[in-house]
Amino acid sequence: MTSTPLPASIDDTMALLDGEGYVGDRALATVLLLALKLKRPLFLEGEAGVGKTEIAKVLSQALGRDLIRLQCYEGLDISTAVYEWNYAAQMVEIRVSEATGDTDRDDLSRSVFGERFLIRRPVLQALQPSVKGAPVLLIDELDRADEAFEAFLLEVLADNQVTIPELGTIRAEEPPIVIITTNRTREIHDALKRRCLYHWVDYPDAERELEIVRRKVPGAAERLMAELVAFVQMLRTDEDLFKQPGVAETLDWATALTELNEIALDPDMVSDTLGVLLKYQDDIDRVRGSRARQMIDEIRRDMERAGQETV
């Protein structure tokens, strides 16, 4: 895969996203263009399932760059995220040196702590030069990691470098394209945010979500897509749910109902498949049955009125 030139304008960025099937808005295209031009990390915040991670994947595909993903979790440390030494190979090197009588301590230390014994983890991999150009480094769900790891990232984000005590400082020839995502389960420190451009990724409006479903589930019936999107939009605005469904759940539900050969929302089928859309039993109980039927009737009345007004 050969790399593609970076977009030169907001319209180019919109076209780049659109070409990979990502239905984004102009605000996202603007901040994405600025992040590329200014070589600044992009900090994406929003609810789970709104498409934050997908932005990094689409950018990698569209630009022909490698995607290096660091999935964050509690207890993530430098040895997993940045680098570690190949201790087994180092021990073999030490044993060989002892067997051959080459036991000069300084020479041995330089040898076993050389780059051939260095295991590069995602962050360090992202700082390495590539013929395709700077890779896309996705630091996914940073809010799941500990604050100590946040503090370490400051050097990487500010100076595009990592300091390894035994080797010194490794600096990127070209800064990686850094995308950081968080589901806002906890606040990220201001010191890290200041080094990034910020964008809130919200749930899409009905028109944009319908276009997303059309592109991602092309086999779905048009009526089903329209009613399904209206149903999800109503859930997000009218229902007091513990966890609102994201776009990912909308697509899963559209795919499931299409596999079941549904061409429109059926109240019984909706109740039977709510586990695809909603992930908490209390939310499913709130919507299942009479409430689902009531919502579908309301959606169809609204569609009929809209059709009459159009005529």
C-alpha atoms as a PDB file:
ATOM      1  CA  MET A   1       0.000   0.000   0.000  1.00  0.00           C
ATOM      2  CA  THR A   2       1.351   3.426  -0.938  1.00  0.00           C
ATOM      3  CA  SER A   3       0.675   6.486   1.159  1.00  0.00           C
ATOM      4  CA  THR A   4      -1.762   9.171   0.044  1.00  0.00           C
ATOM      5  CA  PRO A   5      -0.959  12.900   0.345  1.00  0.00           C
ATOM      6  CA  LEU A   6      -2.512  14.643   3.318  1.00  0.00           C
ATOM      7  CA  PRO A   7      -5.715  16.579   2.575  1.00  0.00           C
ATOM      8  CA  ALA A   8      -5.234  20.248   1.751  1.00  0.00           C
ATOM      9  CA  SER A   9      -8.634  21.591   2.769  1.00  0.00           C
ATOM     10  CA  ILE A  10     -11.716  20.854   4.845  1.00  0.00           C
ATOM     11  CA  ASP A  11     -13.547  19.680   1.727  1.00  0.00           C
ATOM     12  CA  ASP A  12     -10.648  17.339   0.911  1.00  0.00           C
ATOM     13  CA  THR A  13     -10.846  15.938   4.432  1.00  0.00           C
ATOM     14  CA  MET A  14     -14.607  15.425   4.105  1.00  0.00           C
ATOM     15  CA  ALA A  15     -14.004  13.622   0.818  1.00  0.00           C
ATOM     16  CA  LEU A  16     -11.263  11.504   2.394  1.00  0.00           C
ATOM     17  CA  LEU A  17     -13.614  10.346   5.160  1.00  0.00           C
ATOM     18  CA  ASP A  18     -16.466   9.848   2.739  1.00  0.00           C
ATOM     19  CA  GLY A  19     -14.287   7.770   0.442  1.00  0.00           C
ATOM     20  CA  GLU A  20     -13.787   5.261   3.253  1.00  0.00           C
ATOM     21  CA  GLY A  21     -17.482   5.164   4.110  1.00  0.00           C
ATOM     22  CA  TYR A  22     -17.268   7.341   7.228  1.00  0.00           C
ATOM     23  CA  VAL A  23     -20.159   9.790   7.461  1.00  0.00           C
ATOM     24  CA  GLY A  24     -18.629  12.663   9.411  1.00  0.00           C
ATOM     25  CA  ASP A  25     -19.635  16.290   9.850  1.00  0.00           C
ATOM     26  CA  ARG A  26     -17.738  19.419   8.907  1.00  0.00           C
ATOM     27  CA  ALA A  27     -16.628  20.129  12.478  1.00  0.00           C
ATOM     28  CA  LEU A  28     -14.850  16.766  12.647  1.00  0.00           C
ATOM     29  CA  ALA A  29     -13.247  17.293   9.237  1.00  0.00           C
ATOM     30  CA  THR A  30     -12.007  20.719  10.338  1.00  0.00           C
ATOM     31  CA  VAL A  31     -10.315  19.555  13.549  1.00  0.00           C
ATOM     32  CA  LEU A  32      -8.908  16.505  11.766  1.00  0.00           C
ATOM     33  CA  LEU A  33      -7.366  18.702   9.078  1.00  0.00           C
ATOM     34  CA  LEU A  34      -5.858  20.976  11.726  1.00  0.00           C
ATOM     35  CA  ALA A  35      -4.398  18.006  13.605  1.00  0.00           C
ATOM     36  CA  LEU A  36      -2.722  16.801  10.401  1.00  0.00           C
ATOM     37  CA  LYS A  37      -1.420  20.223   9.393  1.00  0.00           C
ATOM     38  CA  LEU A  38      -0.236  21.270  12.853  1.00  0.00           C
ATOM     39  CA  LYS A  39       1.089  17.764  13.660  1.00  0.00           C
ATOM     40  CA  ARG A  40      -0.809  17.772  16.935  1.00  0.00           C
ATOM     41  CA  PRO A  41      -2.497  14.794  18.652  1.00  0.00           C
ATOM     42  CA  LEU A  42      -6.275  14.690  18.324  1.00  0.00           C
ATOM     43  CA  PHE A  43      -8.190  13.995  21.521  1.00  0.00           C
ATOM     44  CA  LEU A  44     -11.623  12.484  20.784  1.00  0.00           C
ATOM     45  CA  GLU A  45     -14.125  12.302  23.605  1.00  0.00           C
ATOM     46  CA  GLY A  46     -17.653  10.916  23.542  1.00  0.00           C
ATOM     47  CA  GLU A  47     -19.947   8.111  24.562  1.00  0.00           C
ATOM     48  CA  ALA A  48     -19.050   4.533  23.696  1.00  0.00           C
ATOM     49  CA  GLY A  49     -20.120   3.446  20.230  1.00  0.00           C
ATOM     50  CA  VAL A  50     -20.231   6.827  18.477  1.00  0.00           C
ATOM     51  CA  GLY A  51     -17.350   6.052  16.095  1.00  0.00           C
ATOM     52  CA  LYS A  52     -14.239   7.499  17.762  1.00  0.00           C
ATOM     53  CA  THR A  53     -12.018   4.467  17.169  1.00  0.00           C
ATOM     54  CA  GLU A  54     -13.314   4.160  13.613  1.00  0.00           C
ATOM     55  CA  ILE A  55     -11.909   7.615  12.807  1.00  0.00           C
ATOM     56  CA  ALA A  56      -8.356   6.365  13.371  1.00  0.00           C
ATOM     57  CA  LYS A  57      -8.991   3.233  11.301  1.00  0.00           C
ATOM     58  CA  VAL A  58     -10.479   5.234   8.438  1.00  0.00           C
ATOM     59  CA  LEU A  59      -7.618   7.726   8.529  1.00  0.00           C
ATOM     60  CA  SER A  60      -5.066   4.917   8.348  1.00  0.00           C
ATOM     61  CA  GLN A  61      -6.831   3.303   5.390  1.00  0.00           C
ATOM     62  CA  ALA A  62      -7.412   6.568   3.536  1.00  0.00           C
ATOM     63  CA  LEU A  63      -3.809   7.782   3.898  1.00  0.00           C
ATOM     64  CA  GLY A  64      -2.213   4.379   3.355  1.00  0.00           C
ATOM     65  CA  ARG A  65      -0.440   4.569   6.724  1.00  0.00           C
ATOM     66  CA  ASP A  66       0.163   1.800   9.244  1.00  0.00           C
ATOM     67  CA  LEU A  67      -2.272   1.715  12.145  1.00  0.00           C
ATOM     68  CA  ILE A  68      -0.624   1.055  15.511  1.00  0.00           C
ATOM     69  CA  ARG A  69      -3.204   0.526  18.231  1.00  0.00           C
ATOM     70  CA  LEU A  70      -2.620   0.736  21.962  1.00  0.00           C
ATOM     71  CA  GLN A  71      -5.678  -0.530  23.830  1.00  0.00           C
ATOM     72  CA  CYS A  72      -5.621   0.964  27.307  1.00  0.00           C
ATOM     73  CA  TYR A  73      -6.659  -0.839  30.488  1.00  0.00           C
ATOM     74  CA  GLU A  74      -6.149  -0.544  34.221  1.00  0.00           C
ATOM     75  CA  GLY A  75      -2.562  -1.446  35.117  1.00  0.00           C
ATOM     76  CA  LEU A  76      -1.130  -0.645  31.671  1.00  0.00           C
ATOM     77  CA  ASP A  77       2.580   0.064  32.109  1.00  0.00           C
ATOM     78  CA  ILE A  78       5.620   1.081  30.084  1.00  0.00           C
ATOM     79  CA  SER A  79       6.741  -2.494  29.419  1.00  0.00           C
ATOM     80  CA  THR A  80       3.444  -3.213  27.661  1.00  0.00           C
ATOM     81  CA  ALA A  81       2.877   0.148  26.000  1.00  0.00           C
ATOM     82  CA  VAL A  82       6.368   1.405  25.131  1.00  0.00           C
ATOM     83  CA  TYR A  83       9.236  -1.068  25.366  1.00  0.00           C
ATOM     84  CA  GLU A  84      10.848  -3.861  27.330  1.00  0.00           C
ATOM     85  CA  TRP A  85      14.087  -5.795  27.175  1.00  0.00           C
ATOM     86  CA  ASN A  86      14.344  -9.349  25.863  1.00  0.00           C
ATOM     87  CA  TYR A  87      15.617 -10.750  29.144  1.00  0.00           C
ATOM     88  CA  ALA A  88      15.919 -14.339  27.904  1.00  0.00           C
ATOM     89  CA  ALA A  89      18.112 -13.295  24.968  1.00  0.00           C
ATOM     90  CA  GLN A  90      20.165 -11.055  27.265  1.00  0.00           C
ATOM     91  CA  MET A  91      20.847 -13.968  29.592  1.00  0.00           C
ATOM     92  CA  VAL A  92      21.970 -16.112  26.677  1.00  0.00           C
ATOM     93  CA  GLU A  93      24.340 -13.320  25.589  1.00  0.00           C
ATOM     94  CA  ILE A  94      25.777 -13.088  29.107  1.00  0.00           C
ATOM     95  CA  ARG A  95      26.296 -16.873  29.318  1.00  0.00           C
ATOM     96  CA  VAL A  96      28.017 -16.938  25.930  1.00  0.00           C
ATOM     97  CA  SER A  97      30.288 -14.055  26.966  1.00  0.00           C
ATOM     98  CA  GLU A  98      31.204 -15.865  30.186  1.00  0.00           C
ATOM     99  CA  ALA A  99      31.909 -19.072  28.294  1.00  0.00           C
ATOM    100  CA  THR A 100      34.233 -17.330  25.842  1.00  0.00           C
ATOM    101  CA  GLY A 101      35.984 -15.327  28.554  1.00  0.00           C
ATOM    102  CA  ASP A 102      34.707 -11.992  27.248  1.00  0.00           C
ATOM    103  CA  THR A 103      33.631 -10.610  30.613  1.00  0.00           C
ATOM    104  CA  ASP A 104      34.521  -6.923  30.425  1.00  0.00           C
ATOM    105  CA  ARG A 105      31.629  -5.410  32.348  1.00  0.00           C
ATOM    106  CA  ASP A 106      31.293  -2.185  30.338  1.00  0.00           C
ATOM    107  CA  ASP A 107      31.450  -3.959  26.983  1.00  0.00           C
ATOM    108  CA  LEU A 108      28.974  -6.573  28.149  1.00  0.00           C
ATOM    109  CA  SER A 109      26.575  -3.919  29.449  1.00  0.00           C
ATOM    110  CA  ARG A 110      26.660  -2.053  26.138  1.00  0.00           C
ATOM    111  CA  SER A 111      26.103  -5.290  24.287  1.00  0.00           C
ATOM    112  CA  VAL A 112      23.100  -6.628  26.203  1.00  0.00           C
ATOM    113  CA  PHE A 113      21.419  -3.235  26.328  1.00  0.00           C
ATOM    114  CA  GLY A 114      21.751  -2.675  22.589  1.00  0.00           C
ATOM    115  CA  GLU A 115      18.836  -2.210  20.193  1.00  0.00           C
ATOM    116  CA  ARG A 116      18.892  -5.843  19.073  1.00  0.00           C
ATOM    117  CA  PHE A 117      17.613  -6.825  22.529  1.00  0.00           C
ATOM    118  CA  LEU A 118      14.954  -4.089  22.596  1.00  0.00           C
ATOM    119  CA  ILE A 119      11.331  -5.187  22.172  1.00  0.00           C
ATOM    120  CA  ARG A 120       9.354  -2.284  20.725  1.00  0.00           C
ATOM    121  CA  ARG A 121       5.794  -1.924  21.939  1.00  0.00           C
ATOM    122  CA  PRO A 122       3.141   0.279  20.226  1.00  0.00           C
ATOM    123  CA  VAL A 123       4.347   3.722  21.373  1.00  0.00           C
ATOM    124  CA  LEU A 124       7.967   3.065  20.417  1.00  0.00           C
ATOM    125  CA  GLN A 125       6.901   1.417  17.145  1.00  0.00           C
ATOM    126  CA  ALA A 126       5.026   4.613  16.256  1.00  0.00           C
ATOM    127  CA  LEU A 127       8.225   6.652  16.589  1.00  0.00           C
ATOM    128  CA  GLN A 128      10.132   4.503  14.094  1.00  0.00           C
ATOM    129  CA  PRO A 129      10.540   5.749  10.491  1.00  0.00           C
ATOM    130  CA  SER A 130       8.445   4.066   7.797  1.00  0.00           C
ATOM    131  CA  VAL A 131       8.519   4.173   4.005  1.00  0.00           C
ATOM    132  CA  LYS A 132       4.750   4.770   4.093  1.00  0.00           C
ATOM    133  CA  GLY A 133       5.140   7.887   6.220  1.00  0.00           C
ATOM    134  CA  ALA A 134       4.292   8.493   9.852  1.00  0.00           C
ATOM    135  CA  PRO A 135       1.897   5.834  11.158  1.00  0.00           C
ATOM    136  CA  VAL A 136      -1.431   6.463  12.856  1.00  0.00           C
ATOM    137  CA  LEU A 137      -1.032   5.802  16.584  1.00  0.00           C
ATOM    138  CA  LEU A 138      -4.393   5.047  18.176  1.00  0.00           C
ATOM    139  CA  ILE A 139      -4.350   5.320  21.976  1.00  0.00           C
ATOM    140  CA  ASP A 140      -7.770   3.845  22.610  1.00  0.00           C
ATOM    141  CA  GLU A 141      -9.875   4.403  25.744  1.00  0.00           C
ATOM    142  CA  LEU A 142      -7.210   6.302  27.662  1.00  0.00           C
ATOM    143  CA  ASP A 143      -9.641   6.790  30.538  1.00  0.00           C
ATOM    144  CA  ARG A 144      -9.230   3.092  31.372  1.00  0.00           C
ATOM    145  CA  ALA A 145      -5.498   3.518  32.053  1.00  0.00           C
ATOM    146  CA  ASP A 146      -3.989   4.841  35.288  1.00  0.00           C
ATOM    147  CA  GLU A 147      -2.978   8.450  35.830  1.00  0.00           C
ATOM    148  CA  ALA A 148       0.673   7.383  36.060  1.00  0.00           C
ATOM    149  CA  PHE A 149       0.541   6.255  32.435  1.00  0.00           C
ATOM    150  CA  GLU A 150      -1.034   9.582  31.472  1.00  0.00           C
ATOM    151  CA  ALA A 151       1.942  11.355  33.000  1.00  0.00           C
ATOM    152  CA  PHE A 152       4.354   9.245  30.972  1.00  0.00           C
ATOM    153  CA  LEU A 153       2.513  10.128  27.749  1.00  0.00           C
ATOM    154  CA  LEU A 154       3.304  13.811  28.234  1.00  0.00           C
ATOM    155  CA  GLU A 155       6.854  13.362  26.895  1.00  0.00           C
ATOM    156  CA  VAL A 156       5.603  11.401  23.898  1.00  0.00           C
ATOM    157  CA  LEU A 157       2.884  13.902  23.005  1.00  0.00           C
ATOM    158  CA  ALA A 158       4.928  17.039  23.635  1.00  0.00           C
ATOM    159  CA  ASP A 159       8.250  16.063  22.048  1.00  0.00           C
ATOM    160  CA  ASN A 160       7.524  12.895  20.023  1.00  0.00           C
ATOM    161  CA  GLN A 161      10.221  11.061  21.899  1.00  0.00           C
ATOM    162  CA  VAL A 162      10.794   8.336  24.461  1.00  0.00           C
ATOM    163  CA  THR A 163      13.669   8.218  26.932  1.00  0.00           C
ATOM    164  CA  ILE A 164      15.152   4.771  27.617  1.00  0.00           C
ATOM    165  CA  PRO A 165      17.685   4.974  30.467  1.00  0.00           C
ATOM    166  CA  GLU A 166      20.026   2.358  28.971  1.00  0.00           C
ATOM    167  CA  LEU A 167      19.928   3.776  25.430  1.00  0.00           C
ATOM    168  CA  GLY A 168      19.074   7.445  25.737  1.00  0.00           C
ATOM    169  CA  THR A 169      16.346   9.392  23.943  1.00  0.00           C
ATOM    170  CA  ILE A 170      14.663   8.017  20.828  1.00  0.00           C
ATOM    171  CA  ARG A 171      12.982  10.748  18.825  1.00  0.00           C
ATOM    172  CA  ALA A 172      10.679  10.394  15.823  1.00  0.00           C
ATOM    173  CA  GLU A 173      11.987  11.721  12.518  1.00  0.00           C
ATOM    174  CA  GLU A 174       8.366  12.491  11.622  1.00  0.00           C
ATOM    175  CA  PRO A 175       5.700  12.785  14.354  1.00  0.00           C
ATOM    176  CA  PRO A 176       3.107  10.010  14.246  1.00  0.00           C
ATOM    177  CA  ILE A 177      -0.535  10.891  13.640  1.00  0.00           C
ATOM    178  CA  VAL A 178      -1.868  10.433  17.168  1.00  0.00           C
ATOM    179  CA  ILE A 179      -5.549   9.795  17.874  1.00  0.00           C
ATOM    180  CA  ILE A 180      -6.547   9.503  21.542  1.00  0.00           C
ATOM    181  CA  THR A 181     -10.029   8.333  22.493  1.00  0.00           C
ATOM    182  CA  THR A 182     -11.837   8.358  25.818  1.00  0.00           C
ATOM    183  CA  ASN A 183     -15.357   7.361  26.871  1.00  0.00           C
ATOM    184  CA  ARG A 184     -15.216   9.871  29.747  1.00  0.00           C
ATOM    185  CA  THR A 185     -15.453   7.286  32.509  1.00  0.00           C
ATOM    186  CA  ARG A 186     -13.012   9.585  34.343  1.00  0.00           C
ATOM    187  CA  GLU A 187     -11.490  12.978  33.665  1.00  0.00           C
ATOM    188  CA  ILE A 188      -8.178  13.163  31.819  1.00  0.00           C
ATOM    189  CA  HIS A 189      -5.610  15.581  33.267  1.00  0.00           C
ATOM    190  CA  ASP A 190      -5.487  19.068  31.734  1.00  0.00           C
ATOM    191  CA  ALA A 191      -1.730  18.785  31.136  1.00  0.00           C
ATOM    192  CA  LEU A 192      -2.353  16.043  28.598  1.00  0.00           C
ATOM    193  CA  LYS A 193      -5.367  17.732  27.007  1.00  0.00           C
ATOM    194  CA  ARG A 194      -3.381  20.932  26.458  1.00  0.00           C
ATOM    195  CA  ARG A 195      -1.021  19.053  24.159  1.00  0.00           C
ATOM    196  CA  CYS A 196      -3.898  17.963  21.927  1.00  0.00           C
ATOM    197  CA  LEU A 197      -6.638  19.348  19.746  1.00  0.00           C
ATOM    198  CA  TYR A 198     -10.018  18.441  21.229  1.00  0.00           C
ATOM    199  CA  HIS A 199     -13.231  17.239  19.612  1.00  0.00           C
ATOM    200  CA  TRP A 200     -16.430  15.904  21.154  1.00  0.00           C
ATOM    201  CA  VAL A 201     -17.902  13.102  19.024  1.00  0.00           C
ATOM    202  CA  ASP A 202     -21.658  13.226  19.592  1.00  0.00           C
ATOM    203  CA  TYR A 203     -24.431  10.897  18.566  1.00  0.00           C
ATOM    204  CA  PRO A 204     -25.398  11.667  14.946  1.00  0.00           C
ATOM    205  CA  ASP A 205     -28.714  13.285  14.088  1.00  0.00           C
ATOM    206  CA  ALA A 206     -31.374  11.183  12.349  1.00  0.00           C
ATOM    207  CA  GLU A 207     -30.350  12.157   8.825  1.00  0.00           C
ATOM    208  CA  ARG A 208     -26.691  11.303   9.335  1.00  0.00           C
ATOM    209  CA  GLU A 209     -27.430   8.092  11.220  1.00  0.00           C
ATOM    210  CA  LEU A 210     -29.735   6.959   8.418  1.00  0.00           C
ATOM    211  CA  GLU A 211     -26.954   7.569   5.898  1.00  0.00           C
ATOM    212  CA  ILE A 212     -24.558   5.550   8.068  1.00  0.00           C
ATOM    213  CA  VAL A 213     -26.989   2.616   8.140  1.00  0.00           C
ATOM    214  CA  ARG A 214     -27.497   2.841   4.372  1.00  0.00           C
ATOM    215  CA  ARG A 215     -23.760   2.573   3.810  1.00  0.00           C
ATOM    216  CA  LYS A 216     -22.940  -0.058   6.400  1.00  0.00           C
ATOM    217  CA  VAL A 217     -26.028  -2.288   5.987  1.00  0.00           C
ATOM    218  CA  PRO A 218     -26.855  -1.916   2.284  1.00  0.00           C
ATOM    219  CA  GLY A 219     -29.119  -4.987   2.280  1.00  0.00           C
ATOM    220  CA  ALA A 220     -31.606  -3.476   4.730  1.00  0.00           C
ATOM    221  CA  ALA A 221     -35.037  -2.419   3.495  1.00  0.00           C
ATOM    222  CA  GLU A 222     -35.487   1.343   3.224  1.00  0.00           C
ATOM    223  CA  ARG A 223     -38.579   1.370   5.423  1.00  0.00           C
ATOM    224  CA  LEU A 224     -36.830  -0.726   8.057  1.00  0.00           C
ATOM    225  CA  MET A 225     -33.853   1.629   8.111  1.00  0.00           C
ATOM    226  CA  ALA A 226     -36.038   4.721   8.446  1.00  0.00           C
ATOM    227  CA  GLU A 227     -38.168   3.274  11.269  1.00  0.00           C
ATOM    228  CA  LEU A 228     -35.188   1.735  13.036  1.00  0.00           C
ATOM    229  CA  VAL A 229     -33.216   4.991  13.064  1.00  0.00           C
ATOM    230  CA  ALA A 230     -36.276   6.909  14.275  1.00  0.00           C
ATOM    231  CA  PHE A 231     -36.717   4.334  17.055  1.00  0.00           C
ATOM    232  CA  VAL A 232     -33.092   4.682  18.188  1.00  0.00           C
ATOM    233  CA  GLN A 233     -33.270   8.472  18.046  1.00  0.00           C
ATOM    234  CA  MET A 234     -36.416   8.390  20.186  1.00  0.00           C
ATOM    235  CA  LEU A 235     -34.702   6.122  22.712  1.00  0.00           C
ATOM    236  CA  ARG A 236     -31.865   8.624  23.084  1.00  0.00           C
ATOM    237  CA  THR A 237     -34.110  11.645  23.558  1.00  0.00           C
ATOM    238  CA  ASP A 238     -37.270  10.382  25.264  1.00  0.00           C
ATOM    239  CA  GLU A 239     -36.228   7.408  27.373  1.00  0.00           C
ATOM    240  CA  ASP A 240     -34.317   7.560  30.654  1.00  0.00           C
ATOM    241  CA  LEU A 241     -31.920   4.739  29.884  1.00  0.00           C
ATOM    242  CA  PHE A 242     -28.899   3.655  31.884  1.00  0.00           C
ATOM    243  CA  LYS A 243     -26.904   3.322  28.637  1.00  0.00           C
ATOM    244  CA  GLN A 244     -28.072   4.878  25.397  1.00  0.00           C
ATOM    245  CA  PRO A 245     -27.420   2.844  22.247  1.00  0.00           C
ATOM    246  CA  GLY A 246     -24.489   3.991  20.126  1.00  0.00           C
ATOM    247  CA  VAL A 247     -24.166   3.922  16.368  1.00  0.00           C
ATOM    248  CA  ALA A 248     -22.428   0.556  16.620  1.00  0.00           C
ATOM    249  CA  GLU A 249     -25.540  -0.890  18.275  1.00  0.00           C
ATOM    250  CA  THR A 250     -27.774   0.703  15.636  1.00  0.00           C
ATOM    251  CA  LEU A 251     -25.767  -1.056  12.928  1.00  0.00           C
ATOM    252  CA  ASP A 252     -25.826  -4.353  14.809  1.00  0.00           C
ATOM    253  CA  TRP A 253     -29.607  -4.117  15.171  1.00  0.00           C
ATOM    254  CA  ALA A 254     -30.111  -3.212  11.513  1.00  0.00           C
ATOM    255  CA  THR A 255     -27.954  -6.175  10.505  1.00  0.00           C
ATOM    256  CA  ALA A 256     -29.806  -8.550  12.843  1.00  0.00           C
ATOM    257  CA  LEU A 257     -33.277  -7.516  11.646  1.00  0.00           C
ATOM    258  CA  THR A 258     -32.161  -7.770   8.026  1.00  0.00           C
ATOM    259  CA  GLU A 259     -30.864 -11.285   8.668  1.00  0.00           C
ATOM    260  CA  LEU A 260     -34.321 -12.079  10.052  1.00  0.00           C
ATOM    261  CA  ASN A 261     -35.868 -10.799   6.788  1.00  0.00           C
ATOM    262  CA  GLU A 262     -37.687  -7.918   8.459  1.00  0.00           C
ATOM    263  CA  ILE A 263     -38.748  -5.072   6.151  1.00  0.00           C
ATOM    264  CA  ALA A 264     -40.263  -2.869   8.881  1.00  0.00           C
ATOM    265  CA  LEU A 265     -40.320  -2.723  12.646  1.00  0.00           C
ATOM    266  CA  ASP A 266     -42.594  -5.327  14.195  1.00  0.00           C
ATOM    267  CA  PRO A 267     -43.388  -4.794  17.896  1.00  0.00           C
ATOM    268  CA  ASP A 268     -42.914  -8.449  18.832  1.00  0.00           C
ATOM    269  CA  MET A 269     -39.664  -8.739  16.898  1.00  0.00           C
ATOM    270  CA  VAL A 270     -38.432  -5.484  18.443  1.00  0.00           C
ATOM    271  CA  SER A 271     -39.057  -6.865  21.923  1.00  0.00           C
ATOM    272  CA  ASP A 272     -37.333 -10.137  21.047  1.00  0.00           C
ATOM    273  CA  THR A 273     -34.207  -8.447  19.635  1.00  0.00           C
ATOM    274  CA  LEU A 274     -33.731  -5.558  22.065  1.00  0.00           C
ATOM    275  CA  GLY A 275     -30.693  -7.361  23.490  1.00  0.00           C
ATOM    276  CA  VAL A 276     -28.859  -6.474  20.288  1.00  0.00           C
ATOM    277  CA  LEU A 277     -29.539  -2.772  20.815  1.00  0.00           C
ATOM    278  CA  LEU A 278     -29.591  -2.377  24.612  1.00  0.00           C
ATOM    279  CA  LYS A 279     -27.087  -3.949  27.002  1.00  0.00           C
ATOM    280  CA  TYR A 280     -28.786  -3.606  30.396  1.00  0.00           C
ATOM    281  CA  GLN A 281     -31.817  -5.618  31.497  1.00  0.00           C
ATOM    282  CA  ASP A 282     -33.467  -2.633  33.190  1.00  0.00           C
ATOM    283  CA  ASP A 283     -33.310  -0.712  29.905  1.00  0.00           C
ATOM    284  CA  ILE A 284     -34.741  -3.672  27.977  1.00  0.00           C
ATOM    285  CA  ASP A 285     -37.598  -4.071  30.491  1.00  0.00           C
ATOM    286  CA  ARG A 286     -38.390  -0.359  30.201  1.00  0.00           C
ATOM    287  CA  VAL A 287     -38.805  -0.536  26.407  1.00  0.00           C
ATOM    288  CA  ARG A 288     -40.064  -4.067  25.783  1.00  0.00           C
ATOM    289  CA  GLY A 289     -43.729  -4.774  25.090  1.00  0.00           C
ATOM    290  CA  SER A 290     -46.313  -2.000  25.184  1.00  0.00           C
ATOM    291  CA  ARG A 291     -43.735   0.807  25.189  1.00  0.00           C
ATOM    292  CA  ALA A 292     -42.072  -0.537  22.024  1.00  0.00           C
ATOM    293  CA  ARG A 293     -45.480  -0.813  20.313  1.00  0.00           C
ATOM    294  CA  GLN A 294     -46.362   2.730  21.392  1.00  0.00           C
ATOM    295  CA  MET A 295     -43.076   4.083  20.023  1.00  0.00           C
ATOM    296  CA  ILE A 296     -43.532   2.342  16.671  1.00  0.00           C
ATOM    297  CA  ASP A 297     -47.081   3.720  16.338  1.00  0.00           C
ATOM    298  CA  GLU A 298     -45.809   7.226  17.123  1.00  0.00           C
ATOM    299  CA  ILE A 299     -43.004   6.905  14.567  1.00  0.00           C
ATOM    300  CA  ARG A 300     -45.413   5.835  11.840  1.00  0.00           C
ATOM    301  CA  ARG A 301     -47.820   8.661  12.607  1.00  0.00           C
ATOM    302  CA  ASP A 302     -44.958  11.144  12.371  1.00  0.00           C
ATOM    303  CA  MET A 303     -43.857   9.640   9.050  1.00  0.00           C
ATOM    304  CA  GLU A 304     -47.389   9.808   7.664  1.00  0.00           C
ATOM    305  CA  ARG A 305     -47.723  13.457   8.668  1.00  0.00           C
ATOM    306  CA  ALA A 306     -44.331  14.239   7.121  1.00  0.00           C
ATOM    307  CA  GLY A 307     -45.424  12.502   3.921  1.00  0.00           C
ATOM    308  CA  GLN A 308     -48.663  14.492   3.781  1.00  0.00           C
ATOM    309  CA  GLU A 309     -46.808  17.757   4.341  1.00  0.00           C
ATOM    310  CA  THR A 310     -44.378  16.881   1.584  1.00  0.00           C
ATOM    311  CA  VAL A 311     -47.259  16.245  -0.773  1.00  0.00           C
END
